[in-house]
PDB file of N, CA and C in Angstrom:
ATOM      1  N   MET A   1      92.593 116.159 -84.149  1.00  0.00           N
ATOM      2  CA  MET A   1      93.970 116.528 -84.420  1.00  0.00           C
ATOM      3  C   MET A   1      94.623 115.369 -85.166  1.00  0.00           C
ATOM      4  N   VAL A   2      95.141 115.662 -86.342  1.00  0.00           N
ATOM      5  CA  VAL A   2      95.820 114.651 -87.145  1.00  0.00           C
ATOM      6  C   VAL A   2      97.284 115.081 -87.306  1.00  0.00           C
ATOM      7  N   PRO A   3      98.208 114.318 -86.711  1.00  0.00           N
ATOM      8  CA  PRO A   3      99.624 114.678 -86.837  1.00  0.00           C
ATOM      9  C   PRO A   3     100.166 114.280 -88.207  1.00  0.00           C
ATOM     10  N   VAL A   4     101.219 114.950 -88.613  1.00  0.00           N
ATOM     11  CA  VAL A   4     101.952 114.577 -89.828  1.00  0.00           C
ATOM     12  C   VAL A   4     103.129 113.718 -89.372  1.00  0.00           C
ATOM     13  N   ILE A   5     103.229 112.524 -89.936  1.00  0.00           N
ATOM     14  CA  ILE A   5     104.263 111.581 -89.509  1.00  0.00           C
ATOM     15  C   ILE A   5     105.160 111.262 -90.695  1.00  0.00           C
ATOM     16  N   ALA A   6     106.469 111.351 -90.488  1.00  0.00           N
ATOM     17  CA  ALA A   6     107.434 111.046 -91.548  1.00  0.00           C
ATOM     18  C   ALA A   6     108.480 110.073 -91.000  1.00  0.00           C
ATOM     19  N   LEU A   7     108.764 109.034 -91.758  1.00  0.00           N
ATOM     20  CA  LEU A   7     109.755 108.029 -91.373  1.00  0.00           C
ATOM     21  C   LEU A   7     110.890 108.059 -92.375  1.00  0.00           C
ATOM     22  N   SER A   8     112.121 108.091 -91.883  1.00  0.00           N
ATOM     23  CA  SER A   8     113.285 108.059 -92.760  1.00  0.00           C
ATOM     24  C   SER A   8     114.398 107.288 -92.077  1.00  0.00           C
ATOM     25  N   THR A   9     115.324 106.794 -92.872  1.00  0.00           N
ATOM     26  CA  THR A   9     116.454 106.083 -92.290  1.00  0.00           C
ATOM     27  C   THR A   9     117.438 107.105 -91.751  1.00  0.00           C
ATOM     28  N   CYS A  10     118.252 106.690 -90.802  1.00  0.00           N
ATOM     29  CA  CYS A  10     119.283 107.588 -90.281  1.00  0.00           C
ATOM     30  C   CYS A  10     120.583 106.814 -90.154  1.00  0.00           C
ATOM     31  N   GLU A  11     121.633 107.530 -89.877  1.00  0.00           N
ATOM     32  CA  GLU A  11     122.950 106.932 -89.790  1.00  0.00           C
ATOM     33  C   GLU A  11     123.040 106.004 -88.582  1.00  0.00           C
ATOM     34  N   ARG A  12     123.632 104.842 -88.809  1.00  0.00           N
ATOM     35  CA  ARG A  12     123.793 103.867 -87.729  1.00  0.00           C
ATOM     36  C   ARG A  12     125.178 103.997 -87.111  1.00  0.00           C
ATOM     37  N   SER A  13     125.263 103.655 -85.848  1.00  0.00           N
ATOM     38  CA  SER A  13     126.567 103.641 -85.187  1.00  0.00           C
ATOM     39  C   SER A  13     127.306 102.378 -85.623  1.00  0.00           C
ATOM     40  N   GLU A  14     128.589 102.318 -85.342  1.00  0.00           N
ATOM     41  CA  GLU A  14     129.391 101.139 -85.695  1.00  0.00           C
ATOM     42  C   GLU A  14     128.847  99.892 -84.996  1.00  0.00           C
ATOM     43  N   LYS A  15     128.465 100.033 -83.753  1.00  0.00           N
ATOM     44  CA  LYS A  15     127.893  98.905 -83.006  1.00  0.00           C
ATOM     45  C   LYS A  15     126.613  98.404 -83.676  1.00  0.00           C
ATOM     46  N   GLU A  16     125.758  99.324 -84.125  1.00  0.00           N
ATOM     47  CA  GLU A  16     124.513  98.935 -84.787  1.00  0.00           C
ATOM     48  C   GLU A  16     124.792  98.233 -86.115  1.00  0.00           C
ATOM     49  N   ARG A  17     125.822  98.651 -86.816  1.00  0.00           N
ATOM     50  CA  ARG A  17     126.190  97.973 -88.066  1.00  0.00           C
ATOM     51  C   ARG A  17     126.656  96.552 -87.797  1.00  0.00           C
ATOM     52  N   ILE A  18     127.474  96.371 -86.773  1.00  0.00           N
ATOM     53  CA  ILE A  18     128.020  95.054 -86.454  1.00  0.00           C
ATOM     54  C   ILE A  18     126.924  94.077 -86.061  1.00  0.00           C
ATOM     55  N   ILE A  19     125.991  94.517 -85.229  1.00  0.00           N
ATOM     56  CA  ILE A  19     124.930  93.600 -84.786  1.00  0.00           C
ATOM     57  C   ILE A  19     123.697  93.658 -85.694  1.00  0.00           C
ATOM     58  N   ARG A  20     123.845  94.307 -86.850  1.00  0.00           N
ATOM     59  CA  ARG A  20     122.809  94.369 -87.892  1.00  0.00           C
ATOM     60  C   ARG A  20     121.485  94.936 -87.393  1.00  0.00           C
ATOM     61  N   MET A  21     121.575  96.137 -86.878  1.00  0.00           N
ATOM     62  CA  MET A  21     120.367  96.850 -86.462  1.00  0.00           C
ATOM     63  C   MET A  21     120.136  98.006 -87.416  1.00  0.00           C
ATOM     64  N   ASP A  22     118.890  98.187 -87.822  1.00  0.00           N
ATOM     65  CA  ASP A  22     118.521  99.320 -88.655  1.00  0.00           C
ATOM     66  C   ASP A  22     118.101 100.472 -87.757  1.00  0.00           C
ATOM     67  N   ALA A  23     118.379 101.684 -88.186  1.00  0.00           N
ATOM     68  CA  ALA A  23     118.022 102.871 -87.407  1.00  0.00           C
ATOM     69  C   ALA A  23     117.171 103.791 -88.271  1.00  0.00           C
ATOM     70  N   TYR A  24     116.119 104.339 -87.663  1.00  0.00           N
ATOM     71  CA  TYR A  24     115.189 105.209 -88.365  1.00  0.00           C
ATOM     72  C   TYR A  24     114.931 106.463 -87.536  1.00  0.00           C
ATOM     73  N   THR A  25     114.547 107.523 -88.221  1.00  0.00           N
ATOM     74  CA  THR A  25     114.078 108.736 -87.566  1.00  0.00           C
ATOM     75  C   THR A  25     112.600 108.880 -87.887  1.00  0.00           C
ATOM     76  N   LEU A  26     111.801 108.983 -86.847  1.00  0.00           N
ATOM     77  CA  LEU A  26     110.363 109.189 -86.998  1.00  0.00           C
ATOM     78  C   LEU A  26     110.066 110.596 -86.509  1.00  0.00           C
ATOM     79  N   THR A  27     109.505 111.413 -87.387  1.00  0.00           N
ATOM     80  CA  THR A  27     109.163 112.786 -87.038  1.00  0.00           C
ATOM     81  C   THR A  27     107.646 112.907 -86.956  1.00  0.00           C
ATOM     82  N   ILE A  28     107.164 113.417 -85.834  1.00  0.00           N
ATOM     83  CA  ILE A  28     105.737 113.626 -85.618  1.00  0.00           C
ATOM     84  C   ILE A  28     105.526 115.123 -85.435  1.00  0.00           C
ATOM     85  N   ALA A  29     104.675 115.718 -86.273  1.00  0.00           N
ATOM     86  CA  ALA A  29     104.414 117.156 -86.199  1.00  0.00           C
ATOM     87  C   ALA A  29     102.926 117.399 -85.980  1.00  0.00           C
ATOM     88  N   PHE A  30     102.617 118.183 -84.975  1.00  0.00           N
ATOM     89  CA  PHE A  30     101.249 118.586 -84.675  1.00  0.00           C
ATOM     90  C   PHE A  30     101.095 120.065 -85.003  1.00  0.00           C
ATOM     91  N   ALA A  31     100.080 120.417 -85.783  1.00  0.00           N
ATOM     92  CA  ALA A  31      99.743 121.818 -86.030  1.00  0.00           C
ATOM     93  C   ALA A  31      98.528 122.140 -85.168  1.00  0.00           C
ATOM     94  N   VAL A  32      98.723 123.042 -84.217  1.00  0.00           N
ATOM     95  CA  VAL A  32      97.681 123.385 -83.252  1.00  0.00           C
ATOM     96  C   VAL A  32      97.168 124.790 -83.567  1.00  0.00           C
ATOM     97  N   PRO A  33      95.854 124.931 -83.818  1.00  0.00           N
ATOM     98  CA  PRO A  33      95.312 126.260 -84.147  1.00  0.00           C
ATOM     99  C   PRO A  33      95.585 127.274 -83.040  1.00  0.00           C
ATOM    100  N   GLU A  34      95.854 128.499 -83.457  1.00  0.00           N
ATOM    101  CA  GLU A  34      96.104 129.565 -82.482  1.00  0.00           C
ATOM    102  C   GLU A  34      94.817 129.846 -81.705  1.00  0.00           C
ATOM    103  N   SER A  35      94.950 129.820 -80.412  1.00  0.00           N
ATOM    104  CA  SER A  35      93.841 130.105 -79.502  1.00  0.00           C
ATOM    105  C   SER A  35      94.461 130.456 -78.153  1.00  0.00           C
ATOM    106  N   PRO A  36      93.659 130.866 -77.186  1.00  0.00           N
ATOM    107  CA  PRO A  36      94.236 131.135 -75.861  1.00  0.00           C
ATOM    108  C   PRO A  36      94.906 129.897 -75.247  1.00  0.00           C
ATOM    109  N   ASP A  37      94.450 128.703 -75.643  1.00  0.00           N
ATOM    110  CA  ASP A  37      95.030 127.469 -75.114  1.00  0.00           C
ATOM    111  C   ASP A  37      95.981 126.791 -76.088  1.00  0.00           C
ATOM    112  N   GLY A  38      96.323 127.439 -77.191  1.00  0.00           N
ATOM    113  CA  GLY A  38      97.152 126.819 -78.222  1.00  0.00           C
ATOM    114  C   GLY A  38      98.500 126.351 -77.725  1.00  0.00           C
ATOM    115  N   GLU A  39      99.201 127.212 -77.005  1.00  0.00           N
ATOM    116  CA  GLU A  39     100.527 126.842 -76.495  1.00  0.00           C
ATOM    117  C   GLU A  39     100.417 125.695 -75.493  1.00  0.00           C
ATOM    118  N   ARG A  40      99.435 125.773 -74.606  1.00  0.00           N
ATOM    119  CA  ARG A  40      99.238 124.708 -73.617  1.00  0.00           C
ATOM    120  C   ARG A  40      98.930 123.379 -74.303  1.00  0.00           C
ATOM    121  N   ASN A  41      98.131 123.427 -75.376  1.00  0.00           N
ATOM    122  CA  ASN A  41      97.801 122.204 -76.109  1.00  0.00           C
ATOM    123  C   ASN A  41      99.037 121.582 -76.755  1.00  0.00           C
ATOM    124  N   CYS A  42      99.974 122.407 -77.216  1.00  0.00           N
ATOM    125  CA  CYS A  42     101.236 121.884 -77.765  1.00  0.00           C
ATOM    126  C   CYS A  42     101.976 121.061 -76.719  1.00  0.00           C
ATOM    127  N   TYR A  43     102.067 121.624 -75.514  1.00  0.00           N
ATOM    128  CA  TYR A  43     102.752 120.901 -74.439  1.00  0.00           C
ATOM    129  C   TYR A  43     101.997 119.628 -74.063  1.00  0.00           C
ATOM    130  N   ALA A  44     100.671 119.672 -74.129  1.00  0.00           N
ATOM    131  CA  ALA A  44      99.860 118.497 -73.797  1.00  0.00           C
ATOM    132  C   ALA A  44     100.071 117.380 -74.822  1.00  0.00           C
ATOM    133  N   TYR A  45     100.083 117.726 -76.111  1.00  0.00           N
ATOM    134  CA  TYR A  45     100.304 116.700 -77.145  1.00  0.00           C
ATOM    135  C   TYR A  45     101.700 116.094 -77.014  1.00  0.00           C
ATOM    136  N   ALA A  46     102.700 116.937 -76.797  1.00  0.00           N
ATOM    137  CA  ALA A  46     104.065 116.432 -76.628  1.00  0.00           C
ATOM    138  C   ALA A  46     104.157 115.547 -75.393  1.00  0.00           C
ATOM    139  N   GLY A  47     103.518 115.963 -74.307  1.00  0.00           N
ATOM    140  CA  GLY A  47     103.523 115.162 -73.082  1.00  0.00           C
ATOM    141  C   GLY A  47     102.852 113.819 -73.273  1.00  0.00           C
ATOM    142  N   ALA A  48     101.772 113.783 -74.051  1.00  0.00           N
ATOM    143  CA  ALA A  48     101.071 112.519 -74.299  1.00  0.00           C
ATOM    144  C   ALA A  48     101.955 111.547 -75.084  1.00  0.00           C
ATOM    145  N   VAL A  49     102.675 112.054 -76.078  1.00  0.00           N
ATOM    146  CA  VAL A  49     103.569 111.192 -76.862  1.00  0.00           C
ATOM    147  C   VAL A  49     104.711 110.679 -75.990  1.00  0.00           C
ATOM    148  N   VAL A  50     105.295 111.555 -75.194  1.00  0.00           N
ATOM    149  CA  VAL A  50     106.405 111.154 -74.313  1.00  0.00           C
ATOM    150  C   VAL A  50     105.938 110.117 -73.294  1.00  0.00           C
ATOM    151  N   THR A  51     104.765 110.306 -72.718  1.00  0.00           N
ATOM    152  CA  THR A  51     104.223 109.335 -71.762  1.00  0.00           C
ATOM    153  C   THR A  51     104.008 107.982 -72.422  1.00  0.00           C
ATOM    154  N   ALA A  52     103.414 107.982 -73.614  1.00  0.00           N
ATOM    155  CA  ALA A  52     103.187 106.726 -74.338  1.00  0.00           C
ATOM    156  C   ALA A  52     104.516 106.046 -74.663  1.00  0.00           C
ATOM    157  N   LEU A  53     105.519 106.814 -75.029  1.00  0.00           N
ATOM    158  CA  LEU A  53     106.833 106.260 -75.351  1.00  0.00           C
ATOM    159  C   LEU A  53     107.517 105.690 -74.113  1.00  0.00           C
ATOM    160  N   ASN A  54     107.375 106.360 -72.977  1.00  0.00           N
ATOM    161  CA  ASN A  54     107.970 105.855 -71.736  1.00  0.00           C
ATOM    162  C   ASN A  54     107.288 104.575 -71.268  1.00  0.00           C
ATOM    163  N   GLU A  55     105.984 104.456 -71.494  1.00  0.00           N
ATOM    164  CA  GLU A  55     105.264 103.259 -71.081  1.00  0.00           C
ATOM    165  C   GLU A  55     105.521 102.076 -72.007  1.00  0.00           C
ATOM    166  N   ASN A  56     105.864 102.345 -73.269  1.00  0.00           N
ATOM    167  CA  ASN A  56     106.059 101.276 -74.228  1.00  0.00           C
ATOM    168  C   ASN A  56     107.176 101.647 -75.207  1.00  0.00           C
ATOM    169  N   PRO A  57     108.452 101.587 -74.774  1.00  0.00           N
ATOM    170  CA  PRO A  57     109.551 102.015 -75.644  1.00  0.00           C
ATOM    171  C   PRO A  57     109.794 101.083 -76.832  1.00  0.00           C
ATOM    172  N   ALA A  58     109.195  99.883 -76.830  1.00  0.00           N
ATOM    173  CA  ALA A  58     109.361  98.965 -77.956  1.00  0.00           C
ATOM    174  C   ALA A  58     108.230  99.116 -78.970  1.00  0.00           C
ATOM    175  N   LEU A  59     107.343 100.085 -78.761  1.00  0.00           N
ATOM    176  CA  LEU A  59     106.230 100.355 -79.666  1.00  0.00           C
ATOM    177  C   LEU A  59     105.397  99.105 -79.943  1.00  0.00           C
ATOM    178  N   GLY A  60     105.075  98.389 -78.890  1.00  0.00           N
ATOM    179  CA  GLY A  60     104.238  97.203 -79.025  1.00  0.00           C
ATOM    180  C   GLY A  60     104.951  96.034 -79.671  1.00  0.00           C
ATOM    181  N   GLY A  61     106.263  95.996 -79.621  1.00  0.00           N
ATOM    182  CA  GLY A  61     107.029  94.899 -80.199  1.00  0.00           C
ATOM    183  C   GLY A  61     107.465  95.146 -81.635  1.00  0.00           C
ATOM    184  N   VAL A  62     107.105  96.284 -82.209  1.00  0.00           N
ATOM    185  CA  VAL A  62     107.483  96.604 -83.593  1.00  0.00           C
ATOM    186  C   VAL A  62     108.961  96.976 -83.674  1.00  0.00           C
ATOM    187  N   ALA A  63     109.462  97.646 -82.658  1.00  0.00           N
ATOM    188  CA  ALA A  63     110.852  98.102 -82.641  1.00  0.00           C
ATOM    189  C   ALA A  63     111.569  97.516 -81.433  1.00  0.00           C
ATOM    190  N   ASP A  64     112.885  97.555 -81.477  1.00  0.00           N
ATOM    191  CA  ASP A  64     113.658  97.154 -80.308  1.00  0.00           C
ATOM    192  C   ASP A  64     113.688  98.272 -79.277  1.00  0.00           C
ATOM    193  N   LYS A  65     113.809  99.512 -79.769  1.00  0.00           N
ATOM    194  CA  LYS A  65     113.861 100.649 -78.857  1.00  0.00           C
ATOM    195  C   LYS A  65     113.519 101.925 -79.603  1.00  0.00           C
ATOM    196  N   ALA A  66     112.730 102.770 -78.976  1.00  0.00           N
ATOM    197  CA  ALA A  66     112.409 104.090 -79.515  1.00  0.00           C
ATOM    198  C   ALA A  66     112.730 105.121 -78.446  1.00  0.00           C
ATOM    199  N   VAL A  67     113.453 106.159 -78.834  1.00  0.00           N
ATOM    200  CA  VAL A  67     113.905 107.187 -77.902  1.00  0.00           C
ATOM    201  C   VAL A  67     113.586 108.562 -78.486  1.00  0.00           C
ATOM    202  N   LEU A  68     113.066 109.445 -77.659  1.00  0.00           N
ATOM    203  CA  LEU A  68     112.815 110.817 -78.086  1.00  0.00           C
ATOM    204  C   LEU A  68     114.163 111.519 -78.235  1.00  0.00           C
ATOM    205  N   SER A  69     114.463 111.995 -79.440  1.00  0.00           N
ATOM    206  CA  SER A  69     115.762 112.625 -79.671  1.00  0.00           C
ATOM    207  C   SER A  69     115.671 114.136 -79.870  1.00  0.00           C
ATOM    208  N   GLY A  70     114.460 114.657 -80.018  1.00  0.00           N
ATOM    209  CA  GLY A  70     114.323 116.097 -80.180  1.00  0.00           C
ATOM    210  C   GLY A  70     112.882 116.544 -80.019  1.00  0.00           C
ATOM    211  N   LYS A  71     112.727 117.758 -79.512  1.00  0.00           N
ATOM    212  CA  LYS A  71     111.406 118.332 -79.300  1.00  0.00           C
ATOM    213  C   LYS A  71     111.516 119.824 -79.601  1.00  0.00           C
ATOM    214  N   LYS A  72     110.615 120.327 -80.465  1.00  0.00           N
ATOM    215  CA  LYS A  72     110.685 121.732 -80.854  1.00  0.00           C
ATOM    216  C   LYS A  72     109.277 122.315 -80.876  1.00  0.00           C
ATOM    217  N   TYR A  73     109.113 123.469 -80.252  1.00  0.00           N
ATOM    218  CA  TYR A  73     107.843 124.188 -80.237  1.00  0.00           C
ATOM    219  C   TYR A  73     108.000 125.432 -81.107  1.00  0.00           C
ATOM    220  N   VAL A  74     107.068 125.618 -82.062  1.00  0.00           N
ATOM    221  CA  VAL A  74     107.149 126.741 -82.982  1.00  0.00           C
ATOM    222  C   VAL A  74     105.879 127.585 -82.839  1.00  0.00           C
ATOM    223  N   PRO A  75     106.010 128.842 -82.382  1.00  0.00           N
ATOM    224  CA  PRO A  75     104.829 129.710 -82.255  1.00  0.00           C
ATOM    225  C   PRO A  75     104.401 130.240 -83.628  1.00  0.00           C
ATOM    226  N   PRO A  76     103.198 130.793 -83.725  1.00  0.00           N
ATOM    227  CA  PRO A  76     102.782 131.420 -84.992  1.00  0.00           C
ATOM    228  C   PRO A  76     103.734 132.560 -85.350  1.00  0.00           C
ATOM    229  N   LYS A  77     103.900 132.823 -86.644  1.00  0.00           N
ATOM    230  CA  LYS A  77     104.826 133.882 -87.071  1.00  0.00           C
ATOM    231  C   LYS A  77     104.408 135.236 -86.527  1.00  0.00           C
ATOM    232  N   GLN A  78     103.089 135.505 -86.542  1.00  0.00           N
ATOM    233  CA  GLN A  78     102.565 136.741 -85.965  1.00  0.00           C
ATOM    234  C   GLN A  78     101.365 136.393 -85.111  1.00  0.00           C
ATOM    235  N   SER A  79     101.405 136.825 -83.883  1.00  0.00           N
ATOM    236  CA  SER A  79     100.314 136.535 -82.959  1.00  0.00           C
ATOM    237  C   SER A  79      99.034 137.243 -83.394  1.00  0.00           C
ATOM    238  N   GLY A  80      97.913 136.530 -83.262  1.00  0.00           N
ATOM    239  CA  GLY A  80      96.615 137.118 -83.574  1.00  0.00           C
ATOM    240  C   GLY A  80      96.216 137.065 -85.031  1.00  0.00           C
ATOM    241  N   THR A  81      96.998 136.381 -85.873  1.00  0.00           N
ATOM    242  CA  THR A  81      96.672 136.316 -87.302  1.00  0.00           C
ATOM    243  C   THR A  81      96.029 134.993 -87.693  1.00  0.00           C
ATOM    244  N   GLY A  82      95.809 134.123 -86.736  1.00  0.00           N
ATOM    245  CA  GLY A  82      95.194 132.834 -87.042  1.00  0.00           C
ATOM    246  C   GLY A  82      96.190 131.775 -87.462  1.00  0.00           C
ATOM    247  N   GLY A  83      97.474 132.039 -87.297  1.00  0.00           N
ATOM    248  CA  GLY A  83      98.491 131.042 -87.622  1.00  0.00           C
ATOM    249  C   GLY A  83      98.459 129.893 -86.621  1.00  0.00           C
ATOM    250  N   ASP A  84      99.160 128.835 -86.941  1.00  0.00           N
ATOM    251  CA  ASP A  84      99.174 127.655 -86.075  1.00  0.00           C
ATOM    252  C   ASP A  84     100.433 127.599 -85.221  1.00  0.00           C
ATOM    253  N   TRP A  85     100.271 127.093 -84.004  1.00  0.00           N
ATOM    254  CA  TRP A  85     101.393 126.652 -83.199  1.00  0.00           C
ATOM    255  C   TRP A  85     101.813 125.317 -83.791  1.00  0.00           C
ATOM    256  N   GLU A  86     103.057 124.939 -83.618  1.00  0.00           N
ATOM    257  CA  GLU A  86     103.508 123.642 -84.108  1.00  0.00           C
ATOM    258  C   GLU A  86     104.442 123.015 -83.090  1.00  0.00           C
ATOM    259  N   VAL A  87     104.258 121.729 -82.875  1.00  0.00           N
ATOM    260  CA  VAL A  87     105.192 120.979 -82.045  1.00  0.00           C
ATOM    261  C   VAL A  87     105.739 119.847 -82.919  1.00  0.00           C
ATOM    262  N   ILE A  88     107.068 119.732 -82.935  1.00  0.00           N
ATOM    263  CA  ILE A  88     107.742 118.732 -83.767  1.00  0.00           C
ATOM    264  C   ILE A  88     108.545 117.824 -82.846  1.00  0.00           C
ATOM    265  N   LEU A  89     108.238 116.539 -82.889  1.00  0.00           N
ATOM    266  CA  LEU A  89     108.916 115.550 -82.065  1.00  0.00           C
ATOM    267  C   LEU A  89     109.719 114.622 -82.968  1.00  0.00           C
ATOM    268  N   ALA A  90     110.970 114.380 -82.626  1.00  0.00           N
ATOM    269  CA  ALA A  90     111.824 113.475 -83.391  1.00  0.00           C
ATOM    270  C   ALA A  90     112.149 112.265 -82.520  1.00  0.00           C
ATOM    271  N   LEU A  91     111.919 111.075 -83.057  1.00  0.00           N
ATOM    272  CA  LEU A  91     112.214 109.838 -82.345  1.00  0.00           C
ATOM    273  C   LEU A  91     113.257 109.058 -83.128  1.00  0.00           C
ATOM    274  N   ARG A  92     114.175 108.426 -82.420  1.00  0.00           N
ATOM    275  CA  ARG A  92     115.160 107.530 -83.041  1.00  0.00           C
ATOM    276  C   ARG A  92     114.730 106.117 -82.710  1.00  0.00           C
ATOM    277  N   ILE A  93     114.496 105.327 -83.742  1.00  0.00           N
ATOM    278  CA  ILE A  93     113.981 103.974 -83.570  1.00  0.00           C
ATOM    279  C   ILE A  93     114.997 102.979 -84.118  1.00  0.00           C
ATOM    280  N   THR A  94     115.304 101.947 -83.335  1.00  0.00           N
ATOM    281  CA  THR A  94     116.197 100.887 -83.793  1.00  0.00           C
ATOM    282  C   THR A  94     115.418  99.580 -83.886  1.00  0.00           C
ATOM    283  N   VAL A  95     115.715  98.838 -84.953  1.00  0.00           N
ATOM    284  CA  VAL A  95     115.052  97.569 -85.217  1.00  0.00           C
ATOM    285  C   VAL A  95     116.108  96.563 -85.637  1.00  0.00           C
ATOM    286  N   GLU A  96     116.086  95.373 -85.052  1.00  0.00           N
ATOM    287  CA  GLU A  96     117.021  94.330 -85.443  1.00  0.00           C
ATOM    288  C   GLU A  96     116.650  93.807 -86.810  1.00  0.00           C
ATOM    289  N   ASN A  97     117.634  93.736 -87.689  1.00  0.00           N
ATOM    290  CA  ASN A  97     117.409  93.262 -89.046  1.00  0.00           C
ATOM    291  C   ASN A  97     117.476  91.739 -89.041  1.00  0.00           C
ATOM    292  N   GLN A  98     116.309  91.094 -89.061  1.00  0.00           N
ATOM    293  CA  GLN A  98     116.237  89.639 -88.999  1.00  0.00           C
ATOM    294  C   GLN A  98     116.716  88.962 -90.286  1.00  0.00           C
ATOM    295  N   HIS A  99     116.489  89.619 -91.428  1.00  0.00           N
ATOM    296  CA  HIS A  99     116.806  89.018 -92.720  1.00  0.00           C
ATOM    297  C   HIS A  99     117.676  89.966 -93.553  1.00  0.00           C
ATOM    298  N   PRO A 100     118.972  90.072 -93.235  1.00  0.00           N
ATOM    299  CA  PRO A 100     119.821  90.987 -94.009  1.00  0.00           C
ATOM    300  C   PRO A 100     119.970  90.480 -95.440  1.00  0.00           C
ATOM    301  N   CYS A 101     120.002  91.416 -96.367  1.00  0.00           N
ATOM    302  CA  CYS A 101     120.131  91.052 -97.794  1.00  0.00           C
ATOM    303  C   CYS A 101     121.564  90.798 -98.145  1.00  0.00           C
TER     304      CYS A 101
END
């Protein structure tokens, strides 16, 4: 299983601007093949990411804090056609800007 990962900047709060913290949105999307266990596998992948995030919210020291901000499960458009289940996880990541320009 290879997730699709997208990183983008997001709007910072006034407090984050004052203390010079950058804010990012990290989106992780898993496409799970339709099968009898497809829906269960979506929940398992999402649970694994949430568990890893709870155990290490600083992402190994790369970020100051990472928080799950959204979770969405998308079933196949038509059941039995071989479409994929999809789980989309959105994380909000803050990082202190050590060298502001």
